[in-house]
Amino acid sequence: MSETQGRFVRPYAITGGRTSVDGPQLELESQIVATDRGRANQPRYRWEAARVLEACDSATALIEISAKLEIPVGVTRVVVSDLIKQGAVELLVEEETASYSELLEKVLDGIRNL
């Protein structure tokens, strides 16, 4: 297989036919980060899980992981969910914003910093 062809694996083969996850709700913007345990065991995982760990060296959104791995978001959710259960990655939960005005202020500050 040439470098330009890439890897071709059916999504259902990666997830073992599973399409849903049990565990925490994983939104597109959910931030995922590899744990020390995950980093230490990375060589033991299948290619897709190992690449998720590589992509999550720092906090990374689920949608970004999916894009980097070039696999569907649903497949990424299943793989990440499995890794959470194994303690290889963790889901970073942001504190809820006290009010919409505080959230809007943060957004405006971000826009001003552009």
PDB file of N, CA and C in Angstrom:
ATOM      1  N   MET A   1       0.859  -1.172   0.000  1.00  0.00           N
ATOM      2  CA  MET A   1       0.000   0.000   0.000  1.00  0.00           C
ATOM      3  C   MET A   1       0.898   1.226   0.000  1.00  0.00           C
ATOM      4  N   SER A   2       0.625   2.147  -0.887  1.00  0.00           N
ATOM      5  CA  SER A   2       1.445   3.348  -0.959  1.00  0.00           C
ATOM      6  C   SER A   2       1.056   4.324   0.141  1.00  0.00           C
ATOM      7  N   GLU A   3       1.944   5.250   0.406  1.00  0.00           N
ATOM      8  CA  GLU A   3       1.726   6.266   1.448  1.00  0.00           C
ATOM      9  C   GLU A   3       0.501   7.126   1.156  1.00  0.00           C
ATOM     10  N   THR A   4       0.238   7.391  -0.121  1.00  0.00           N
ATOM     11  CA  THR A   4      -0.892   8.247  -0.488  1.00  0.00           C
ATOM     12  C   THR A   4      -2.234   7.548  -0.333  1.00  0.00           C
ATOM     13  N   GLN A   5      -2.248   6.225  -0.384  1.00  0.00           N
ATOM     14  CA  GLN A   5      -3.493   5.490  -0.234  1.00  0.00           C
ATOM     15  C   GLN A   5      -3.994   5.499   1.204  1.00  0.00           C
ATOM     16  N   GLY A   6      -3.087   5.471   2.166  1.00  0.00           N
ATOM     17  CA  GLY A   6      -3.488   5.474   3.563  1.00  0.00           C
ATOM     18  C   GLY A   6      -4.072   4.145   3.999  1.00  0.00           C
ATOM     19  N   ARG A   7      -4.582   4.119   5.214  1.00  0.00           N
ATOM     20  CA  ARG A   7      -5.146   2.912   5.802  1.00  0.00           C
ATOM     21  C   ARG A   7      -6.646   2.902   5.511  1.00  0.00           C
ATOM     22  N   PHE A   8      -7.158   1.765   5.070  1.00  0.00           N
ATOM     23  CA  PHE A   8      -8.591   1.661   4.816  1.00  0.00           C
ATOM     24  C   PHE A   8      -9.161   0.550   5.686  1.00  0.00           C
ATOM     25  N   VAL A   9      -9.874   0.952   6.710  1.00  0.00           N
ATOM     26  CA  VAL A   9     -10.526   0.018   7.612  1.00  0.00           C
ATOM     27  C   VAL A   9     -11.954   0.492   7.782  1.00  0.00           C
ATOM     28  N   ARG A  10     -12.896  -0.405   7.631  1.00  0.00           N
ATOM     29  CA  ARG A  10     -14.298  -0.043   7.819  1.00  0.00           C
ATOM     30  C   ARG A  10     -14.524   0.412   9.257  1.00  0.00           C
ATOM     31  N   PRO A  11     -15.274   1.501   9.450  1.00  0.00           N
ATOM     32  CA  PRO A  11     -15.508   2.010  10.809  1.00  0.00           C
ATOM     33  C   PRO A  11     -16.070   0.972  11.765  1.00  0.00           C
ATOM     34  N   TYR A  12     -16.969   0.109  11.300  1.00  0.00           N
ATOM     35  CA  TYR A  12     -17.540  -0.888  12.199  1.00  0.00           C
ATOM     36  C   TYR A  12     -16.505  -1.906  12.649  1.00  0.00           C
ATOM     37  N   ALA A  13     -15.437  -2.083  11.888  1.00  0.00           N
ATOM     38  CA  ALA A  13     -14.373  -2.996  12.298  1.00  0.00           C
ATOM     39  C   ALA A  13     -13.577  -2.399  13.454  1.00  0.00           C
ATOM     40  N   ILE A  14     -13.417  -1.092  13.455  1.00  0.00           N
ATOM     41  CA  ILE A  14     -12.675  -0.413  14.520  1.00  0.00           C
ATOM     42  C   ILE A  14     -13.426  -0.514  15.845  1.00  0.00           C
ATOM     43  N   THR A  15     -14.751  -0.395  15.794  1.00  0.00           N
ATOM     44  CA  THR A  15     -15.553  -0.373  17.030  1.00  0.00           C
ATOM     45  C   THR A  15     -16.166  -1.721  17.359  1.00  0.00           C
ATOM     46  N   GLY A  16     -15.897  -2.727  16.558  1.00  0.00           N
ATOM     47  CA  GLY A  16     -16.501  -4.033  16.800  1.00  0.00           C
ATOM     48  C   GLY A  16     -18.006  -4.007  16.570  1.00  0.00           C
ATOM     49  N   GLY A  17     -18.470  -3.117  15.705  1.00  0.00           N
ATOM     50  CA  GLY A  17     -19.882  -3.005  15.393  1.00  0.00           C
ATOM     51  C   GLY A  17     -20.667  -2.110  16.337  1.00  0.00           C
ATOM     52  N   ARG A  18     -20.033  -1.606  17.380  1.00  0.00           N
ATOM     53  CA  ARG A  18     -20.729  -0.745  18.347  1.00  0.00           C
ATOM     54  C   ARG A  18     -20.868   0.663  17.799  1.00  0.00           C
ATOM     55  N   THR A  19     -22.014   1.261  18.067  1.00  0.00           N
ATOM     56  CA  THR A  19     -22.254   2.634  17.620  1.00  0.00           C
ATOM     57  C   THR A  19     -22.587   3.556  18.771  1.00  0.00           C
ATOM     58  N   SER A  20     -22.840   2.999  19.946  1.00  0.00           N
ATOM     59  CA  SER A  20     -23.175   3.840  21.101  1.00  0.00           C
ATOM     60  C   SER A  20     -22.155   3.597  22.210  1.00  0.00           C
ATOM     61  N   VAL A  21     -22.121   4.523  23.126  1.00  0.00           N
ATOM     62  CA  VAL A  21     -21.180   4.434  24.240  1.00  0.00           C
ATOM     63  C   VAL A  21     -21.943   4.432  25.565  1.00  0.00           C
ATOM     64  N   ASP A  22     -21.394   3.726  26.537  1.00  0.00           N
ATOM     65  CA  ASP A  22     -21.929   3.844  27.882  1.00  0.00           C
ATOM     66  C   ASP A  22     -20.848   4.536  28.692  1.00  0.00           C
ATOM     67  N   GLY A  23     -21.246   5.511  29.413  1.00  0.00           N
ATOM     68  CA  GLY A  23     -20.290   6.317  30.150  1.00  0.00           C
ATOM     69  C   GLY A  23     -20.624   7.772  29.990  1.00  0.00           C
ATOM     70  N   PRO A  24     -19.650   8.616  30.178  1.00  0.00           N
ATOM     71  CA  PRO A  24     -19.917  10.056  30.097  1.00  0.00           C
ATOM     72  C   PRO A  24     -20.338  10.481  28.695  1.00  0.00           C
ATOM     73  N   GLN A  25     -21.177  11.493  28.650  1.00  0.00           N
ATOM     74  CA  GLN A  25     -21.626  12.056  27.373  1.00  0.00           C
ATOM     75  C   GLN A  25     -20.450  12.768  26.719  1.00  0.00           C
ATOM     76  N   LEU A  26     -20.130  12.393  25.510  1.00  0.00           N
ATOM     77  CA  LEU A  26     -19.014  12.994  24.788  1.00  0.00           C
ATOM     78  C   LEU A  26     -19.559  13.888  23.686  1.00  0.00           C
ATOM     79  N   GLU A  27     -19.464  15.185  23.895  1.00  0.00           N
ATOM     80  CA  GLU A  27     -19.906  16.169  22.912  1.00  0.00           C
ATOM     81  C   GLU A  27     -18.756  16.444  21.941  1.00  0.00           C
ATOM     82  N   LEU A  28     -19.042  17.090  20.836  1.00  0.00           N
ATOM     83  CA  LEU A  28     -18.006  17.403  19.852  1.00  0.00           C
ATOM     84  C   LEU A  28     -16.886  18.238  20.459  1.00  0.00           C
ATOM     85  N   GLU A  29     -17.244  19.130  21.376  1.00  0.00           N
ATOM     86  CA  GLU A  29     -16.258  20.025  21.975  1.00  0.00           C
ATOM     87  C   GLU A  29     -15.631  19.465  23.250  1.00  0.00           C
ATOM     88  N   SER A  30     -16.024  18.256  23.661  1.00  0.00           N
ATOM     89  CA  SER A  30     -15.469  17.649  24.875  1.00  0.00           C
ATOM     90  C   SER A  30     -13.951  17.575  24.778  1.00  0.00           C
ATOM     91  N   GLN A  31     -13.285  18.003  25.833  1.00  0.00           N
ATOM     92  CA  GLN A  31     -11.823  18.021  25.873  1.00  0.00           C
ATOM     93  C   GLN A  31     -11.309  16.710  26.478  1.00  0.00           C
ATOM     94  N   ILE A  32     -10.427  16.055  25.764  1.00  0.00           N
ATOM     95  CA  ILE A  32      -9.881  14.761  26.156  1.00  0.00           C
ATOM     96  C   ILE A  32      -8.372  14.922  26.316  1.00  0.00           C
ATOM     97  N   VAL A  33      -7.813  14.285  27.351  1.00  0.00           N
ATOM     98  CA  VAL A  33      -6.368  14.338  27.542  1.00  0.00           C
ATOM     99  C   VAL A  33      -5.878  12.949  27.974  1.00  0.00           C
ATOM    100  N   ALA A  34      -4.722  12.552  27.460  1.00  0.00           N
ATOM    101  CA  ALA A  34      -4.127  11.267  27.813  1.00  0.00           C
ATOM    102  C   ALA A  34      -3.619  11.308  29.250  1.00  0.00           C
ATOM    103  N   THR A  35      -3.746  10.192  29.937  1.00  0.00           N
ATOM    104  CA  THR A  35      -3.236  10.074  31.305  1.00  0.00           C
ATOM    105  C   THR A  35      -1.823   9.485  31.256  1.00  0.00           C
ATOM    106  N   ASP A  36      -1.134   9.528  32.372  1.00  0.00           N
ATOM    107  CA  ASP A  36       0.193   8.914  32.450  1.00  0.00           C
ATOM    108  C   ASP A  36       0.094   7.418  32.146  1.00  0.00           C
ATOM    109  N   ARG A  37      -0.966   6.800  32.637  1.00  0.00           N
ATOM    110  CA  ARG A  37      -1.184   5.365  32.398  1.00  0.00           C
ATOM    111  C   ARG A  37      -1.345   5.098  30.903  1.00  0.00           C
ATOM    112  N   GLY A  38      -2.128   5.936  30.240  1.00  0.00           N
ATOM    113  CA  GLY A  38      -2.334   5.782  28.803  1.00  0.00           C
ATOM    114  C   GLY A  38      -1.049   5.960  28.018  1.00  0.00           C
ATOM    115  N   ARG A  39      -0.264   6.971  28.379  1.00  0.00           N
ATOM    116  CA  ARG A  39       1.011   7.216  27.690  1.00  0.00           C
ATOM    117  C   ARG A  39       1.961   6.043  27.864  1.00  0.00           C
ATOM    118  N   ALA A  40       2.000   5.493  29.078  1.00  0.00           N
ATOM    119  CA  ALA A  40       2.903   4.377  29.363  1.00  0.00           C
ATOM    120  C   ALA A  40       2.511   3.116  28.590  1.00  0.00           C
ATOM    121  N   ASN A  41       1.220   2.921  28.372  1.00  0.00           N
ATOM    122  CA  ASN A  41       0.739   1.709  27.704  1.00  0.00           C
ATOM    123  C   ASN A  41       0.423   1.912  26.226  1.00  0.00           C
ATOM    124  N   GLN A  42       0.718   3.077  25.684  1.00  0.00           N
ATOM    125  CA  GLN A  42       0.370   3.392  24.290  1.00  0.00           C
ATOM    126  C   GLN A  42       0.824   2.319  23.299  1.00  0.00           C
ATOM    127  N   PRO A  43       2.040   1.771  23.396  1.00  0.00           N
ATOM    128  CA  PRO A  43       2.461   0.766  22.410  1.00  0.00           C
ATOM    129  C   PRO A  43       1.614  -0.512  22.428  1.00  0.00           C
ATOM    130  N   ARG A  44       0.876  -0.732  23.489  1.00  0.00           N
ATOM    131  CA  ARG A  44       0.073  -1.960  23.618  1.00  0.00           C
ATOM    132  C   ARG A  44      -1.297  -1.853  22.943  1.00  0.00           C
ATOM    133  N   TYR A  45      -1.700  -0.648  22.596  1.00  0.00           N
ATOM    134  CA  TYR A  45      -3.025  -0.443  22.014  1.00  0.00           C
ATOM    135  C   TYR A  45      -3.006  -0.638  20.506  1.00  0.00           C
ATOM    136  N   ARG A  46      -4.196  -0.950  19.968  1.00  0.00           N
ATOM    137  CA  ARG A  46      -4.350  -1.019  18.505  1.00  0.00           C
ATOM    138  C   ARG A  46      -4.095   0.361  17.929  1.00  0.00           C
ATOM    139  N   TRP A  47      -3.890   0.434  16.623  1.00  0.00           N
ATOM    140  CA  TRP A  47      -3.468   1.680  15.973  1.00  0.00           C
ATOM    141  C   TRP A  47      -4.393   2.845  16.261  1.00  0.00           C
ATOM    142  N   GLU A  48      -5.713   2.636  16.226  1.00  0.00           N
ATOM    143  CA  GLU A  48      -6.611   3.783  16.396  1.00  0.00           C
ATOM    144  C   GLU A  48      -6.565   4.322  17.823  1.00  0.00           C
ATOM    145  N   ALA A  49      -6.508   3.442  18.808  1.00  0.00           N
ATOM    146  CA  ALA A  49      -6.423   3.879  20.205  1.00  0.00           C
ATOM    147  C   ALA A  49      -5.066   4.534  20.470  1.00  0.00           C
ATOM    148  N   ALA A  50      -4.009   3.977  19.912  1.00  0.00           N
ATOM    149  CA  ALA A  50      -2.678   4.561  20.082  1.00  0.00           C
ATOM    150  C   ALA A  50      -2.615   5.953  19.471  1.00  0.00           C
ATOM    151  N   ARG A  51      -3.262   6.145  18.333  1.00  0.00           N
ATOM    152  CA  ARG A  51      -3.268   7.472  17.698  1.00  0.00           C
ATOM    153  C   ARG A  51      -4.120   8.460  18.482  1.00  0.00           C
ATOM    154  N   VAL A  52      -5.201   7.990  19.115  1.00  0.00           N
ATOM    155  CA  VAL A  52      -5.996   8.874  19.976  1.00  0.00           C
ATOM    156  C   VAL A  52      -5.116   9.356  21.123  1.00  0.00           C
ATOM    157  N   LEU A  53      -4.377   8.455  21.740  1.00  0.00           N
ATOM    158  CA  LEU A  53      -3.489   8.833  22.836  1.00  0.00           C
ATOM    159  C   LEU A  53      -2.439   9.839  22.365  1.00  0.00           C
ATOM    160  N   GLU A  54      -1.928   9.622  21.188  1.00  0.00           N
ATOM    161  CA  GLU A  54      -0.944  10.545  20.619  1.00  0.00           C
ATOM    162  C   GLU A  54      -1.569  11.928  20.387  1.00  0.00           C
ATOM    163  N   ALA A  55      -2.795  11.940  19.877  1.00  0.00           N
ATOM    164  CA  ALA A  55      -3.485  13.203  19.591  1.00  0.00           C
ATOM    165  C   ALA A  55      -3.876  13.942  20.865  1.00  0.00           C
ATOM    166  N   CYS A  56      -3.975  13.216  21.969  1.00  0.00           N
ATOM    167  CA  CYS A  56      -4.438  13.808  23.233  1.00  0.00           C
ATOM    168  C   CYS A  56      -3.300  14.078  24.203  1.00  0.00           C
ATOM    169  N   ASP A  57      -2.110  14.307  23.682  1.00  0.00           N
ATOM    170  CA  ASP A  57      -0.989  14.613  24.567  1.00  0.00           C
ATOM    171  C   ASP A  57      -1.304  15.848  25.404  1.00  0.00           C
ATOM    172  N   SER A  58      -2.007  16.783  24.821  1.00  0.00           N
ATOM    173  CA  SER A  58      -2.568  17.909  25.567  1.00  0.00           C
ATOM    174  C   SER A  58      -4.075  17.889  25.298  1.00  0.00           C
ATOM    175  N   ALA A  59      -4.827  18.646  26.069  1.00  0.00           N
ATOM    176  CA  ALA A  59      -6.286  18.635  25.940  1.00  0.00           C
ATOM    177  C   ALA A  59      -6.702  18.921  24.494  1.00  0.00           C
ATOM    178  N   THR A  60      -7.521  18.034  23.951  1.00  0.00           N
ATOM    179  CA  THR A  60      -7.945  18.127  22.564  1.00  0.00           C
ATOM    180  C   THR A  60      -9.432  17.809  22.473  1.00  0.00           C
ATOM    181  N   ALA A  61     -10.147  18.583  21.655  1.00  0.00           N
ATOM    182  CA  ALA A  61     -11.577  18.357  21.469  1.00  0.00           C
ATOM    183  C   ALA A  61     -11.815  17.060  20.694  1.00  0.00           C
ATOM    184  N   LEU A  62     -12.910  16.395  21.009  1.00  0.00           N
ATOM    185  CA  LEU A  62     -13.275  15.147  20.343  1.00  0.00           C
ATOM    186  C   LEU A  62     -13.301  15.322  18.827  1.00  0.00           C
ATOM    187  N   ILE A  63     -13.851  16.416  18.354  1.00  0.00           N
ATOM    188  CA  ILE A  63     -13.951  16.654  16.914  1.00  0.00           C
ATOM    189  C   ILE A  63     -12.563  16.804  16.280  1.00  0.00           C
ATOM    190  N   GLU A  64     -11.616  17.390  17.014  1.00  0.00           N
ATOM    191  CA  GLU A  64     -10.244  17.520  16.500  1.00  0.00           C
ATOM    192  C   GLU A  64      -9.573  16.160  16.398  1.00  0.00           C
ATOM    193  N   ILE A  65      -9.818  15.307  17.380  1.00  0.00           N
ATOM    194  CA  ILE A  65      -9.249  13.955  17.363  1.00  0.00           C
ATOM    195  C   ILE A  65      -9.758  13.221  16.130  1.00  0.00           C
ATOM    196  N   SER A  66     -11.063  13.322  15.902  1.00  0.00           N
ATOM    197  CA  SER A  66     -11.689  12.679  14.755  1.00  0.00           C
ATOM    198  C   SER A  66     -11.058  13.166  13.452  1.00  0.00           C
ATOM    199  N   ALA A  67     -10.846  14.466  13.344  1.00  0.00           N
ATOM    200  CA  ALA A  67     -10.251  15.034  12.134  1.00  0.00           C
ATOM    201  C   ALA A  67      -8.811  14.577  11.955  1.00  0.00           C
ATOM    202  N   LYS A  68      -8.038  14.570  13.032  1.00  0.00           N
ATOM    203  CA  LYS A  68      -6.635  14.149  12.944  1.00  0.00           C
ATOM    204  C   LYS A  68      -6.514  12.689  12.517  1.00  0.00           C
ATOM    205  N   LEU A  69      -7.401  11.840  13.040  1.00  0.00           N
ATOM    206  CA  LEU A  69      -7.343  10.417  12.729  1.00  0.00           C
ATOM    207  C   LEU A  69      -8.040  10.067  11.419  1.00  0.00           C
ATOM    208  N   GLU A  70      -8.806  11.046  10.905  1.00  0.00           N
ATOM    209  CA  GLU A  70      -9.569  10.846   9.674  1.00  0.00           C
ATOM    210  C   GLU A  70     -10.531   9.670   9.785  1.00  0.00           C
ATOM    211  N   ILE A  71     -11.234   9.609  10.932  1.00  0.00           N
ATOM    212  CA  ILE A  71     -12.273   8.612  11.136  1.00  0.00           C
ATOM    213  C   ILE A  71     -13.545   9.329  11.594  1.00  0.00           C
ATOM    214  N   PRO A  72     -14.716   8.727  11.368  1.00  0.00           N
ATOM    215  CA  PRO A  72     -15.971   9.375  11.747  1.00  0.00           C
ATOM    216  C   PRO A  72     -16.051   9.684  13.243  1.00  0.00           C
ATOM    217  N   VAL A  73     -16.779  10.735  13.577  1.00  0.00           N
ATOM    218  CA  VAL A  73     -16.919  11.160  14.970  1.00  0.00           C
ATOM    219  C   VAL A  73     -17.520  10.048  15.831  1.00  0.00           C
ATOM    220  N   GLY A  74     -18.496   9.328  15.294  1.00  0.00           N
ATOM    221  CA  GLY A  74     -19.113   8.237  16.054  1.00  0.00           C
ATOM    222  C   GLY A  74     -18.107   7.171  16.443  1.00  0.00           C
ATOM    223  N   VAL A  75     -17.203   6.850  15.544  1.00  0.00           N
ATOM    224  CA  VAL A  75     -16.148   5.877  15.825  1.00  0.00           C
ATOM    225  C   VAL A  75     -15.201   6.437  16.879  1.00  0.00           C
ATOM    226  N   THR A  76     -14.851   7.704  16.745  1.00  0.00           N
ATOM    227  CA  THR A  76     -13.964   8.342  17.716  1.00  0.00           C
ATOM    228  C   THR A  76     -14.596   8.311  19.102  1.00  0.00           C
ATOM    229  N   ARG A  77     -15.903   8.574  19.186  1.00  0.00           N
ATOM    230  CA  ARG A  77     -16.606   8.533  20.479  1.00  0.00           C
ATOM    231  C   ARG A  77     -16.466   7.163  21.136  1.00  0.00           C
ATOM    232  N   VAL A  78     -16.651   6.111  20.356  1.00  0.00           N
ATOM    233  CA  VAL A  78     -16.563   4.755  20.907  1.00  0.00           C
ATOM    234  C   VAL A  78     -15.149   4.462  21.395  1.00  0.00           C
ATOM    235  N   VAL A  79     -14.152   4.796  20.592  1.00  0.00           N
ATOM    236  CA  VAL A  79     -12.755   4.536  20.970  1.00  0.00           C
ATOM    237  C   VAL A  79     -12.382   5.337  22.211  1.00  0.00           C
ATOM    238  N   VAL A  80     -12.743   6.623  22.243  1.00  0.00           N
ATOM    239  CA  VAL A  80     -12.433   7.467  23.405  1.00  0.00           C
ATOM    240  C   VAL A  80     -13.154   6.954  24.645  1.00  0.00           C
ATOM    241  N   SER A  81     -14.411   6.551  24.494  1.00  0.00           N
ATOM    242  CA  SER A  81     -15.169   6.010  25.625  1.00  0.00           C
ATOM    243  C   SER A  81     -14.480   4.777  26.204  1.00  0.00           C
ATOM    244  N   ASP A  82     -14.012   3.895  25.333  1.00  0.00           N
ATOM    245  CA  ASP A  82     -13.273   2.706  25.792  1.00  0.00           C
ATOM    246  C   ASP A  82     -12.011   3.101  26.546  1.00  0.00           C
ATOM    247  N   LEU A  83     -11.301   4.099  26.017  1.00  0.00           N
ATOM    248  CA  LEU A  83     -10.059   4.546  26.658  1.00  0.00           C
ATOM    249  C   LEU A  83     -10.335   5.208  28.013  1.00  0.00           C
ATOM    250  N   ILE A  84     -11.470   5.896  28.133  1.00  0.00           N
ATOM    251  CA  ILE A  84     -11.848   6.487  29.426  1.00  0.00           C
ATOM    252  C   ILE A  84     -12.063   5.374  30.445  1.00  0.00           C
ATOM    253  N   LYS A  85     -12.793   4.330  30.056  1.00  0.00           N
ATOM    254  CA  LYS A  85     -13.061   3.203  30.959  1.00  0.00           C
ATOM    255  C   LYS A  85     -11.766   2.534  31.413  1.00  0.00           C
ATOM    256  N   GLN A  86     -10.763   2.505  30.538  1.00  0.00           N
ATOM    257  CA  GLN A  86      -9.485   1.864  30.853  1.00  0.00           C
ATOM    258  C   GLN A  86      -8.531   2.787  31.608  1.00  0.00           C
ATOM    259  N   GLY A  87      -8.936   4.048  31.784  1.00  0.00           N
ATOM    260  CA  GLY A  87      -8.078   5.002  32.489  1.00  0.00           C
ATOM    261  C   GLY A  87      -6.936   5.529  31.651  1.00  0.00           C
ATOM    262  N   ALA A  88      -7.013   5.356  30.334  1.00  0.00           N
ATOM    263  CA  ALA A  88      -5.940   5.804  29.439  1.00  0.00           C
ATOM    264  C   ALA A  88      -6.089   7.273  29.062  1.00  0.00           C
ATOM    265  N   VAL A  89      -7.333   7.772  29.069  1.00  0.00           N
ATOM    266  CA  VAL A  89      -7.593   9.184  28.828  1.00  0.00           C
ATOM    267  C   VAL A  89      -8.623   9.645  29.844  1.00  0.00           C
ATOM    268  N   GLU A  90      -8.695  10.940  30.024  1.00  0.00           N
ATOM    269  CA  GLU A  90      -9.750  11.470  30.884  1.00  0.00           C
ATOM    270  C   GLU A  90     -10.472  12.604  30.187  1.00  0.00           C
ATOM    271  N   LEU A  91     -11.712  12.748  30.557  1.00  0.00           N
ATOM    272  CA  LEU A  91     -12.565  13.797  30.037  1.00  0.00           C
ATOM    273  C   LEU A  91     -12.433  14.988  30.962  1.00  0.00           C
ATOM    274  N   LEU A  92     -12.004  16.110  30.419  1.00  0.00           N
ATOM    275  CA  LEU A  92     -11.884  17.320  31.223  1.00  0.00           C
ATOM    276  C   LEU A  92     -13.239  17.999  31.274  1.00  0.00           C
ATOM    277  N   VAL A  93     -13.715  18.254  32.475  1.00  0.00           N
ATOM    278  CA  VAL A  93     -15.019  18.876  32.655  1.00  0.00           C
ATOM    279  C   VAL A  93     -14.794  20.301  33.117  1.00  0.00           C
ATOM    280  N   GLU A  94     -15.274  21.239  32.312  1.00  0.00           N
ATOM    281  CA  GLU A  94     -15.130  22.654  32.644  1.00  0.00           C
ATOM    282  C   GLU A  94     -16.231  23.039  33.613  1.00  0.00           C
ATOM    283  N   GLU A  95     -15.874  23.886  34.548  1.00  0.00           N
ATOM    284  CA  GLU A  95     -16.880  24.376  35.483  1.00  0.00           C
ATOM    285  C   GLU A  95     -17.954  25.113  34.713  1.00  0.00           C
ATOM    286  N   GLU A  96     -19.195  24.928  35.154  1.00  0.00           N
ATOM    287  CA  GLU A  96     -20.292  25.607  34.473  1.00  0.00           C
ATOM    288  C   GLU A  96     -20.193  27.100  34.683  1.00  0.00           C
ATOM    289  N   THR A  97     -20.497  27.832  33.639  1.00  0.00           N
ATOM    290  CA  THR A  97     -20.461  29.283  33.703  1.00  0.00           C
ATOM    291  C   THR A  97     -21.637  29.768  34.534  1.00  0.00           C
ATOM    292  N   ALA A  98     -21.370  30.716  35.422  1.00  0.00           N
ATOM    293  CA  ALA A  98     -22.397  31.199  36.340  1.00  0.00           C
ATOM    294  C   ALA A  98     -23.563  31.841  35.609  1.00  0.00           C
ATOM    295  N   SER A  99     -23.298  32.553  34.531  1.00  0.00           N
ATOM    296  CA  SER A  99     -24.385  33.207  33.803  1.00  0.00           C
ATOM    297  C   SER A  99     -23.997  33.367  32.344  1.00  0.00           C
ATOM    298  N   TYR A 100     -25.011  33.646  31.531  1.00  0.00           N
ATOM    299  CA  TYR A 100     -24.748  33.863  30.118  1.00  0.00           C
ATOM    300  C   TYR A 100     -23.930  35.126  29.897  1.00  0.00           C
ATOM    301  N   SER A 101     -24.117  36.129  30.728  1.00  0.00           N
ATOM    302  CA  SER A 101     -23.363  37.365  30.547  1.00  0.00           C
ATOM    303  C   SER A 101     -21.871  37.114  30.767  1.00  0.00           C
ATOM    304  N   GLU A 102     -21.545  36.269  31.727  1.00  0.00           N
ATOM    305  CA  GLU A 102     -20.139  35.930  31.970  1.00  0.00           C
ATOM    306  C   GLU A 102     -19.567  35.180  30.763  1.00  0.00           C
ATOM    307  N   LEU A 103     -20.356  34.282  30.199  1.00  0.00           N
ATOM    308  CA  LEU A 103     -19.924  33.551  29.014  1.00  0.00           C
ATOM    309  C   LEU A 103     -19.715  34.499  27.839  1.00  0.00           C
ATOM    310  N   LEU A 104     -20.645  35.414  27.647  1.00  0.00           N
ATOM    311  CA  LEU A 104     -20.524  36.386  26.563  1.00  0.00           C
ATOM    312  C   LEU A 104     -19.292  37.269  26.739  1.00  0.00           C
ATOM    313  N   GLU A 105     -18.993  37.639  27.975  1.00  0.00           N
ATOM    314  CA  GLU A 105     -17.793  38.436  28.239  1.00  0.00           C
ATOM    315  C   GLU A 105     -16.545  37.675  27.846  1.00  0.00           C
ATOM    316  N   LYS A 106     -16.503  36.377  28.152  1.00  0.00           N
ATOM    317  CA  LYS A 106     -15.356  35.556  27.774  1.00  0.00           C
ATOM    318  C   LYS A 106     -15.217  35.471  26.254  1.00  0.00           C
ATOM    319  N   VAL A 107     -16.339  35.318  25.574  1.00  0.00           N
ATOM    320  CA  VAL A 107     -16.313  35.260  24.108  1.00  0.00           C
ATOM    321  C   VAL A 107     -15.798  36.573  23.531  1.00  0.00           C
ATOM    322  N   LEU A 108     -16.310  37.683  24.050  1.00  0.00           N
ATOM    323  CA  LEU A 108     -15.850  39.003  23.576  1.00  0.00           C
ATOM    324  C   LEU A 108     -14.372  39.203  23.843  1.00  0.00           C
ATOM    325  N   ASP A 109     -13.899  38.796  25.015  1.00  0.00           N
ATOM    326  CA  ASP A 109     -12.479  38.911  25.319  1.00  0.00           C
ATOM    327  C   ASP A 109     -11.649  38.101  24.324  1.00  0.00           C
ATOM    328  N   GLY A 110     -12.136  36.897  23.970  1.00  0.00           N
ATOM    329  CA  GLY A 110     -11.447  36.079  22.995  1.00  0.00           C
ATOM    330  C   GLY A 110     -11.388  36.718  21.630  1.00  0.00           C
ATOM    331  N   ILE A 111     -12.494  37.350  21.236  1.00  0.00           N
ATOM    332  CA  ILE A 111     -12.549  38.020  19.932  1.00  0.00           C
ATOM    333  C   ILE A 111     -11.601  39.213  19.925  1.00  0.00           C
ATOM    334  N   ARG A 112     -11.568  39.947  21.007  1.00  0.00           N
ATOM    335  CA  ARG A 112     -10.668  41.120  21.082  1.00  0.00           C
ATOM    336  C   ARG A 112      -9.202  40.701  21.006  1.00  0.00           C
ATOM    337  N   ASN A 113      -8.898  39.534  21.536  1.00  0.00           N
ATOM    338  CA  ASN A 113      -7.516  39.054  21.538  1.00  0.00           C
ATOM    339  C   ASN A 113      -7.058  38.510  20.178  1.00  0.00           C
ATOM    340  N   LEU A 114      -7.981  38.399  19.234  1.00  0.00           N
ATOM    341  CA  LEU A 114      -7.623  37.897  17.894  1.00  0.00           C
ATOM    342  C   LEU A 114      -6.788  38.851  17.150  1.00  0.00           C
TER     343      LEU A 114
END
